[in-house]
C-alpha atoms as a PDB file:
ATOM      1  CA  MET A   1      14.924  -3.078  -0.002  1.00  0.00           C
ATOM      2  CA  ILE A   2      12.659  -1.231   1.749  1.00  0.00           C
ATOM      3  CA  TYR A   3       8.623  -0.959   0.492  1.00  0.00           C
ATOM      4  CA  TYR A   4       5.647   0.750   1.939  1.00  0.00           C
ATOM      5  CA  LEU A   5       2.381  -1.291   1.998  1.00  0.00           C
ATOM      6  CA  ILE A   6      -0.542   0.226   1.380  1.00  0.00           C
ATOM      7  CA  ILE A   7      -3.530  -1.542   3.426  1.00  0.00           C
ATOM      8  CA  CYS A   8      -6.514  -2.339   1.587  1.00  0.00           C
ATOM      9  CA  ARG A   9      -9.905  -2.952   2.802  1.00  0.00           C
ATOM     10  CA  SER A  10     -10.338  -5.833   0.237  1.00  0.00           C
ATOM     11  CA  LEU A  11      -9.055  -7.118  -2.611  1.00  0.00           C
ATOM     12  CA  THR A  12     -11.564  -5.178  -4.868  1.00  0.00           C
ATOM     13  CA  TYR A  13     -10.025  -2.272  -3.227  1.00  0.00           C
ATOM     14  CA  ALA A  14      -6.593  -3.016  -3.702  1.00  0.00           C
ATOM     15  CA  GLN A  15      -6.921  -3.623  -7.568  1.00  0.00           C
ATOM     16  CA  ARG A  16      -8.414  -0.176  -7.936  1.00  0.00           C
ATOM     17  CA  THR A  17      -5.454   1.181  -6.076  1.00  0.00           C
ATOM     18  CA  ALA A  18      -3.320  -0.872  -8.201  1.00  0.00           C
ATOM     19  CA  ARG A  19      -4.808   0.535 -11.446  1.00  0.00           C
ATOM     20  CA  VAL A  20      -4.812   4.118 -10.161  1.00  0.00           C
ATOM     21  CA  LEU A  21      -1.095   3.768  -9.419  1.00  0.00           C
ATOM     22  CA  GLU A  22      -0.215   2.097 -12.584  1.00  0.00           C
ATOM     23  CA  ARG A  23      -2.031   5.119 -14.493  1.00  0.00           C
ATOM     24  CA  SER A  24       0.228   7.370 -12.608  1.00  0.00           C
ATOM     25  CA  GLY A  25       3.175   5.489 -13.488  1.00  0.00           C
ATOM     26  CA  ILE A  26       3.713   4.080 -10.014  1.00  0.00           C
ATOM     27  CA  THR A  27       4.450  -0.302  -9.730  1.00  0.00           C
ATOM     28  CA  GLY A  28       2.542  -1.192  -7.232  1.00  0.00           C
ATOM     29  CA  HIS A  29       2.717  -5.311  -6.680  1.00  0.00           C
ATOM     30  CA  ILE A  30      -0.876  -6.418  -5.096  1.00  0.00           C
ATOM     31  CA  GLN A  31      -0.117  -9.158  -2.138  1.00  0.00           C
ATOM     32  CA  ARG A  32      -1.710 -10.509   1.047  1.00  0.00           C
ATOM     33  CA  ALA A  33      -1.209  -8.329   3.956  1.00  0.00           C
ATOM     34  CA  PRO A  34       1.417 -10.007   6.476  1.00  0.00           C
ATOM     35  CA  LYS A  35      -0.614 -11.349   9.160  1.00  0.00           C
ATOM     36  CA  VAL A  36       1.403  -9.292  12.210  1.00  0.00           C
ATOM     37  CA  ILE A  37       0.056  -6.211  10.556  1.00  0.00           C
ATOM     38  CA  SER A  38      -3.391  -7.221   9.397  1.00  0.00           C
ATOM     39  CA  ARG A  39      -5.874  -6.112  12.426  1.00  0.00           C
ATOM     40  CA  GLU A  40      -9.033  -7.976  10.556  1.00  0.00           C
ATOM     41  CA  GLY A  41      -6.757 -11.444   9.774  1.00  0.00           C
ATOM     42  CA  CYS A  42      -7.282 -11.393   6.398  1.00  0.00           C
ATOM     43  CA  GLY A  43      -6.760  -8.258   3.886  1.00  0.00           C
ATOM     44  CA  TYR A  44      -4.781  -7.440   0.868  1.00  0.00           C
ATOM     45  CA  CYS A  45      -2.219  -4.499   0.240  1.00  0.00           C
ATOM     46  CA  VAL A  46      -0.122  -2.777  -2.620  1.00  0.00           C
ATOM     47  CA  ARG A  47       3.845  -2.744  -2.003  1.00  0.00           C
ATOM     48  CA  ILE A  48       5.423   0.021  -3.636  1.00  0.00           C
ATOM     49  CA  ALA A  49       9.319   1.341  -3.832  1.00  0.00           C
ATOM     50  CA  GLU A  50      10.463   3.303  -0.963  1.00  0.00           C
ATOM     51  CA  GLN A  51      10.683   6.646  -2.938  1.00  0.00           C
ATOM     52  CA  ARG A  52       7.322   6.573  -4.297  1.00  0.00           C
ATOM     53  CA  LEU A  53       5.177   7.033  -1.587  1.00  0.00           C
ATOM     54  CA  THR A  54       4.694  10.693  -1.779  1.00  0.00           C
ATOM     55  CA  ASP A  55       3.405  10.396  -5.424  1.00  0.00           C
ATOM     56  CA  ALA A  56       1.317   7.369  -4.787  1.00  0.00           C
ATOM     57  CA  LEU A  57      -0.353   9.018  -1.975  1.00  0.00           C
ATOM     58  CA  ARG A  58      -1.113  11.929  -4.173  1.00  0.00           C
ATOM     59  CA  ALA A  59      -1.938  10.102  -7.082  1.00  0.00           C
ATOM     60  CA  LEU A  60      -4.773   7.665  -4.498  1.00  0.00           C
ATOM     61  CA  ARG A  61      -6.243  11.145  -3.019  1.00  0.00           C
ATOM     62  CA  ARG A  62      -6.727  12.801  -6.472  1.00  0.00           C
ATOM     63  CA  GLU A  63      -9.105   9.567  -7.267  1.00  0.00           C
ATOM     64  CA  GLY A  64     -11.049   9.816  -3.901  1.00  0.00           C
ATOM     65  CA  LEU A  65      -9.077   6.526  -2.677  1.00  0.00           C
ATOM     66  CA  THR A  66      -7.788   6.485   1.085  1.00  0.00           C
ATOM     67  CA  PRO A  67      -5.564   3.902   2.324  1.00  0.00           C
ATOM     68  CA  LYS A  68      -6.622   2.151   5.154  1.00  0.00           C
ATOM     69  CA  GLN A  69      -2.963   1.915   6.725  1.00  0.00           C
ATOM     70  CA  VAL A  70      -0.059   2.396   5.657  1.00  0.00           C
ATOM     71  CA  PHE A  71       3.326   0.394   6.674  1.00  0.00           C
ATOM     72  CA  LEU A  72       6.879   1.007   5.894  1.00  0.00           C
ATOM     73  CA  GLN A  73       9.156  -2.559   5.653  1.00  0.00           C
ATOM     74  CA  ASN A  74      12.560  -2.129   6.419  1.00  0.00           C
ATOM     75  CA  ALA A  75      15.554  -4.307   4.853  1.00  0.00           C
ATOM     76  CA  ASP A  76      15.092  -6.223   8.440  1.00  0.00           C
ATOM     77  CA  GLY A  77      11.512  -7.295   7.237  1.00  0.00           C
ATOM     78  CA  GLU A  78       9.837  -5.539  10.454  1.00  0.00           C
ATOM     79  CA  TYR A  79       6.930  -3.264   9.988  1.00  0.00           C
ATOM     80  CA  SER A  80       6.092   0.323  11.050  1.00  0.00           C
ATOM     81  CA  GLU A  81       2.935   2.410  10.609  1.00  0.00           C
ATOM     82  CA  VAL A  82       3.257   5.548   8.933  1.00  0.00           C
ATOM     83  CA  ARG A  83       1.010   8.256   9.004  1.00  0.00           C
ATOM     84  CA  SER A  84      -0.471   9.275   5.495  1.00  0.00           C
END
C-alpha cells in the first residue's frame, strides 16, 4: 500500500490533526514518525491513504493546522518528501 505521512511536531498536534481529519471523513492513524524521516529524533505522524492527501491538506488548512512535513511512503517502504 502507498500512504502519506503527515509529520507533526508533537503527540498533541498529531491528535488534533487526526480529529480534524476524522471530522472531514478521512481516516488517519497516529504513529511514531520513522527515524529515517524524523529530523528531531522523536516525532509523531498521521498516516492517511494515498488518495486522500488533497482533501486532508484542505481540511487542515481550513482549521489553521499546518503540517510540519509530508512524506510519501511507497509500496517498497521508501520515503520521499512531498510539498504540501
